[in-house]
Amino acid sequence: IFSSSTEDAFVHQRCIQLDKYLQDLLSIANVAEQHEVWDFLSASSKAWILWEL
């Protein structure tokens, strides 16, 4: 189902799908009101830090 394709068309299509998913998700009031959701989605979120093993 999932592949490691980096083909431009594949990546572009996945970006479109992700954008639609996030828009749909944030259209749900209970989700959009959660500070944790906005923290996770922010560019400065600690969720984006890559931890060294």
PDB file of N, CA and C in Angstrom:
ATOM      1  N   ILE A   1       0.834  -1.192   0.000  1.00  0.00           N
ATOM      2  CA  ILE A   1       0.000   0.000   0.000  1.00  0.00           C
ATOM      3  C   ILE A   1       0.870   1.244   0.000  1.00  0.00           C
ATOM      4  N   PHE A   2       1.774   1.351   0.977  1.00  0.00           N
ATOM      5  CA  PHE A   2       2.658   2.503   1.044  1.00  0.00           C
ATOM      6  C   PHE A   2       3.980   2.143   0.394  1.00  0.00           C
ATOM      7  N   SER A   3       4.563   3.099  -0.248  1.00  0.00           N
ATOM      8  CA  SER A   3       5.875   2.879  -0.850  1.00  0.00           C
ATOM      9  C   SER A   3       6.783   4.025  -0.450  1.00  0.00           C
ATOM     10  N   SER A   4       8.032   3.875  -0.763  1.00  0.00           N
ATOM     11  CA  SER A   4       8.987   4.927  -0.424  1.00  0.00           C
ATOM     12  C   SER A   4       9.246   5.822  -1.631  1.00  0.00           C
ATOM     13  N   SER A   5       8.254   5.931  -2.493  1.00  0.00           N
ATOM     14  CA  SER A   5       8.397   6.705  -3.721  1.00  0.00           C
ATOM     15  C   SER A   5       8.620   8.183  -3.421  1.00  0.00           C
ATOM     16  N   THR A   6       9.576   8.756  -4.101  1.00  0.00           N
ATOM     17  CA  THR A   6       9.803  10.200  -4.001  1.00  0.00           C
ATOM     18  C   THR A   6       9.499  10.868  -5.340  1.00  0.00           C
ATOM     19  N   GLU A   7       8.811  10.143  -6.196  1.00  0.00           N
ATOM     20  CA  GLU A   7       8.416  10.698  -7.480  1.00  0.00           C
ATOM     21  C   GLU A   7       7.578  11.957  -7.234  1.00  0.00           C
ATOM     22  N   ASP A   8       7.867  13.013  -7.986  1.00  0.00           N
ATOM     23  CA  ASP A   8       7.210  14.306  -7.762  1.00  0.00           C
ATOM     24  C   ASP A   8       5.689  14.211  -7.735  1.00  0.00           C
ATOM     25  N   ALA A   9       5.099  13.487  -8.668  1.00  0.00           N
ATOM     26  CA  ALA A   9       3.637  13.386  -8.737  1.00  0.00           C
ATOM     27  C   ALA A   9       3.078  12.704  -7.493  1.00  0.00           C
ATOM     28  N   PHE A  10       3.766  11.671  -7.021  1.00  0.00           N
ATOM     29  CA  PHE A  10       3.326  10.953  -5.821  1.00  0.00           C
ATOM     30  C   PHE A  10       3.380  11.869  -4.605  1.00  0.00           C
ATOM     31  N   VAL A  11       4.490  12.558  -4.429  1.00  0.00           N
ATOM     32  CA  VAL A  11       4.665  13.450  -3.280  1.00  0.00           C
ATOM     33  C   VAL A  11       3.639  14.579  -3.335  1.00  0.00           C
ATOM     34  N   HIS A  12       3.424  15.136  -4.509  1.00  0.00           N
ATOM     35  CA  HIS A  12       2.446  16.217  -4.668  1.00  0.00           C
ATOM     36  C   HIS A  12       1.044  15.734  -4.295  1.00  0.00           C
ATOM     37  N   GLN A  13       0.666  14.553  -4.761  1.00  0.00           N
ATOM     38  CA  GLN A  13      -0.655  14.007  -4.452  1.00  0.00           C
ATOM     39  C   GLN A  13      -0.812  13.763  -2.956  1.00  0.00           C
ATOM     40  N   ARG A  14       0.217  13.249  -2.314  1.00  0.00           N
ATOM     41  CA  ARG A  14       0.163  13.007  -0.864  1.00  0.00           C
ATOM     42  C   ARG A  14       0.042  14.326  -0.103  1.00  0.00           C
ATOM     43  N   CYS A  15       0.703  15.380  -0.572  1.00  0.00           N
ATOM     44  CA  CYS A  15       0.582  16.703   0.066  1.00  0.00           C
ATOM     45  C   CYS A  15      -0.852  17.213  -0.019  1.00  0.00           C
ATOM     46  N   ILE A  16      -1.468  17.033  -1.170  1.00  0.00           N
ATOM     47  CA  ILE A  16      -2.858  17.450  -1.350  1.00  0.00           C
ATOM     48  C   ILE A  16      -3.768  16.671  -0.403  1.00  0.00           C
ATOM     49  N   GLN A  17      -3.551  15.360  -0.304  1.00  0.00           N
ATOM     50  CA  GLN A  17      -4.364  14.526   0.579  1.00  0.00           C
ATOM     51  C   GLN A  17      -4.168  14.905   2.046  1.00  0.00           C
ATOM     52  N   LEU A  18      -2.939  15.170   2.431  1.00  0.00           N
ATOM     53  CA  LEU A  18      -2.661  15.567   3.810  1.00  0.00           C
ATOM     54  C   LEU A  18      -3.310  16.911   4.129  1.00  0.00           C
ATOM     55  N   ASP A  19      -3.230  17.850   3.208  1.00  0.00           N
ATOM     56  CA  ASP A  19      -3.846  19.154   3.409  1.00  0.00           C
ATOM     57  C   ASP A  19      -5.354  19.017   3.600  1.00  0.00           C
ATOM     58  N   LYS A  20      -6.001  18.207   2.761  1.00  0.00           N
ATOM     59  CA  LYS A  20      -7.446  17.992   2.893  1.00  0.00           C
ATOM     60  C   LYS A  20      -7.777  17.323   4.222  1.00  0.00           C
ATOM     61  N   TYR A  21      -6.979  16.341   4.614  1.00  0.00           N
ATOM     62  CA  TYR A  21      -7.208  15.657   5.891  1.00  0.00           C
ATOM     63  C   TYR A  21      -7.129  16.651   7.055  1.00  0.00           C
ATOM     64  N   LEU A  22      -6.102  17.494   7.051  1.00  0.00           N
ATOM     65  CA  LEU A  22      -5.949  18.464   8.138  1.00  0.00           C
ATOM     66  C   LEU A  22      -7.079  19.486   8.145  1.00  0.00           C
ATOM     67  N   GLN A  23      -7.499  19.923   6.961  1.00  0.00           N
ATOM     68  CA  GLN A  23      -8.623  20.861   6.891  1.00  0.00           C
ATOM     69  C   GLN A  23      -9.895  20.225   7.435  1.00  0.00           C
ATOM     70  N   ASP A  24     -10.146  18.968   7.051  1.00  0.00           N
ATOM     71  CA  ASP A  24     -11.326  18.256   7.552  1.00  0.00           C
ATOM     72  C   ASP A  24     -11.243  18.071   9.064  1.00  0.00           C
ATOM     73  N   LEU A  25     -10.070  17.706   9.539  1.00  0.00           N
ATOM     74  CA  LEU A  25      -9.871  17.496  10.969  1.00  0.00           C
ATOM     75  C   LEU A  25     -10.118  18.783  11.751  1.00  0.00           C
ATOM     76  N   LEU A  26      -9.568  19.882  11.258  1.00  0.00           N
ATOM     77  CA  LEU A  26      -9.699  21.153  11.966  1.00  0.00           C
ATOM     78  C   LEU A  26     -11.073  21.789  11.800  1.00  0.00           C
ATOM     79  N   SER A  27     -11.899  21.235  10.921  1.00  0.00           N
ATOM     80  CA  SER A  27     -13.272  21.728  10.796  1.00  0.00           C
ATOM     81  C   SER A  27     -14.162  21.170  11.905  1.00  0.00           C
ATOM     82  N   ILE A  28     -13.637  20.218  12.667  1.00  0.00           N
ATOM     83  CA  ILE A  28     -14.354  19.660  13.815  1.00  0.00           C
ATOM     84  C   ILE A  28     -14.035  20.551  15.017  1.00  0.00           C
ATOM     85  N   ALA A  29     -15.056  21.213  15.531  1.00  0.00           N
ATOM     86  CA  ALA A  29     -14.847  22.211  16.590  1.00  0.00           C
ATOM     87  C   ALA A  29     -14.095  21.648  17.787  1.00  0.00           C
ATOM     88  N   ASN A  30     -14.452  20.461  18.236  1.00  0.00           N
ATOM     89  CA  ASN A  30     -13.795  19.878  19.413  1.00  0.00           C
ATOM     90  C   ASN A  30     -12.308  19.637  19.182  1.00  0.00           C
ATOM     91  N   VAL A  31     -11.938  19.369  17.958  1.00  0.00           N
ATOM     92  CA  VAL A  31     -10.524  19.160  17.629  1.00  0.00           C
ATOM     93  C   VAL A  31      -9.820  20.506  17.505  1.00  0.00           C
ATOM     94  N   ALA A  32     -10.433  21.422  16.770  1.00  0.00           N
ATOM     95  CA  ALA A  32      -9.818  22.728  16.516  1.00  0.00           C
ATOM     96  C   ALA A  32      -9.601  23.535  17.791  1.00  0.00           C
ATOM     97  N   GLU A  33     -10.371  23.250  18.832  1.00  0.00           N
ATOM     98  CA  GLU A  33     -10.252  23.989  20.092  1.00  0.00           C
ATOM     99  C   GLU A  33      -9.155  23.454  21.007  1.00  0.00           C
ATOM    100  N   GLN A  34      -8.552  22.356  20.650  1.00  0.00           N
ATOM    101  CA  GLN A  34      -7.538  21.730  21.502  1.00  0.00           C
ATOM    102  C   GLN A  34      -6.168  22.383  21.300  1.00  0.00           C
ATOM    103  N   HIS A  35      -5.612  22.914  22.360  1.00  0.00           N
ATOM    104  CA  HIS A  35      -4.296  23.549  22.286  1.00  0.00           C
ATOM    105  C   HIS A  35      -3.224  22.545  21.873  1.00  0.00           C
ATOM    106  N   GLU A  36      -3.387  21.301  22.288  1.00  0.00           N
ATOM    107  CA  GLU A  36      -2.400  20.271  21.950  1.00  0.00           C
ATOM    108  C   GLU A  36      -2.319  20.038  20.445  1.00  0.00           C
ATOM    109  N   VAL A  37      -3.446  20.137  19.769  1.00  0.00           N
ATOM    110  CA  VAL A  37      -3.462  19.965  18.311  1.00  0.00           C
ATOM    111  C   VAL A  37      -2.656  21.079  17.659  1.00  0.00           C
ATOM    112  N   TRP A  38      -2.896  22.307  18.086  1.00  0.00           N
ATOM    113  CA  TRP A  38      -2.188  23.446  17.503  1.00  0.00           C
ATOM    114  C   TRP A  38      -0.706  23.429  17.860  1.00  0.00           C
ATOM    115  N   ASP A  39      -0.388  22.957  19.050  1.00  0.00           N
ATOM    116  CA  ASP A  39       1.019  22.830  19.423  1.00  0.00           C
ATOM    117  C   ASP A  39       1.707  21.816  18.521  1.00  0.00           C
ATOM    118  N   PHE A  40       1.061  20.682  18.299  1.00  0.00           N
ATOM    119  CA  PHE A  40       1.639  19.645  17.446  1.00  0.00           C
ATOM    120  C   PHE A  40       1.844  20.151  16.019  1.00  0.00           C
ATOM    121  N   LEU A  41       0.899  20.935  15.521  1.00  0.00           N
ATOM    122  CA  LEU A  41       0.971  21.416  14.141  1.00  0.00           C
ATOM    123  C   LEU A  41       1.885  22.624  13.959  1.00  0.00           C
ATOM    124  N   SER A  42       2.280  23.269  15.043  1.00  0.00           N
ATOM    125  CA  SER A  42       3.126  24.457  14.915  1.00  0.00           C
ATOM    126  C   SER A  42       4.552  24.075  14.517  1.00  0.00           C
ATOM    127  N   ALA A  43       5.195  24.951  13.783  1.00  0.00           N
ATOM    128  CA  ALA A  43       6.565  24.698  13.321  1.00  0.00           C
ATOM    129  C   ALA A  43       7.542  24.593  14.479  1.00  0.00           C
ATOM    130  N   SER A  44       7.232  25.229  15.598  1.00  0.00           N
ATOM    131  CA  SER A  44       8.147  25.216  16.741  1.00  0.00           C
ATOM    132  C   SER A  44       7.841  24.084  17.729  1.00  0.00           C
ATOM    133  N   SER A  45       6.930  23.209  17.357  1.00  0.00           N
ATOM    134  CA  SER A  45       6.530  22.124  18.254  1.00  0.00           C
ATOM    135  C   SER A  45       7.680  21.183  18.568  1.00  0.00           C
ATOM    136  N   LYS A  46       7.749  20.759  19.811  1.00  0.00           N
ATOM    137  CA  LYS A  46       8.762  19.784  20.211  1.00  0.00           C
ATOM    138  C   LYS A  46       8.478  18.424  19.598  1.00  0.00           C
ATOM    139  N   ALA A  47       7.287  18.226  19.054  1.00  0.00           N
ATOM    140  CA  ALA A  47       6.952  16.960  18.399  1.00  0.00           C
ATOM    141  C   ALA A  47       7.799  16.751  17.149  1.00  0.00           C
ATOM    142  N   TRP A  48       8.385  17.822  16.619  1.00  0.00           N
ATOM    143  CA  TRP A  48       9.181  17.730  15.397  1.00  0.00           C
ATOM    144  C   TRP A  48      10.655  17.480  15.673  1.00  0.00           C
ATOM    145  N   ILE A  49      11.057  17.475  16.919  1.00  0.00           N
ATOM    146  CA  ILE A  49      12.464  17.248  17.255  1.00  0.00           C
ATOM    147  C   ILE A  49      12.800  15.782  17.027  1.00  0.00           C
ATOM    148  N   LEU A  50      13.864  15.545  16.296  1.00  0.00           N
ATOM    149  CA  LEU A  50      14.308  14.169  16.069  1.00  0.00           C
ATOM    150  C   LEU A  50      15.204  13.759  17.216  1.00  0.00           C
ATOM    151  N   TRP A  51      14.802  12.747  17.923  1.00  0.00           N
ATOM    152  CA  TRP A  51      15.563  12.280  19.077  1.00  0.00           C
ATOM    153  C   TRP A  51      16.657  11.337  18.622  1.00  0.00           C
ATOM    154  N   GLU A  52      17.840  11.494  19.180  1.00  0.00           N
ATOM    155  CA  GLU A  52      18.943  10.586  18.898  1.00  0.00           C
ATOM    156  C   GLU A  52      18.779   9.355  19.758  1.00  0.00           C
ATOM    157  N   LEU A  53      19.024   8.196  19.170  1.00  0.00           N
ATOM    158  CA  LEU A  53      18.902   6.944  19.925  1.00  0.00           C
ATOM    159  C   LEU A  53      20.214   6.540  20.515  1.00  0.00           C
TER     160      LEU A  53
END
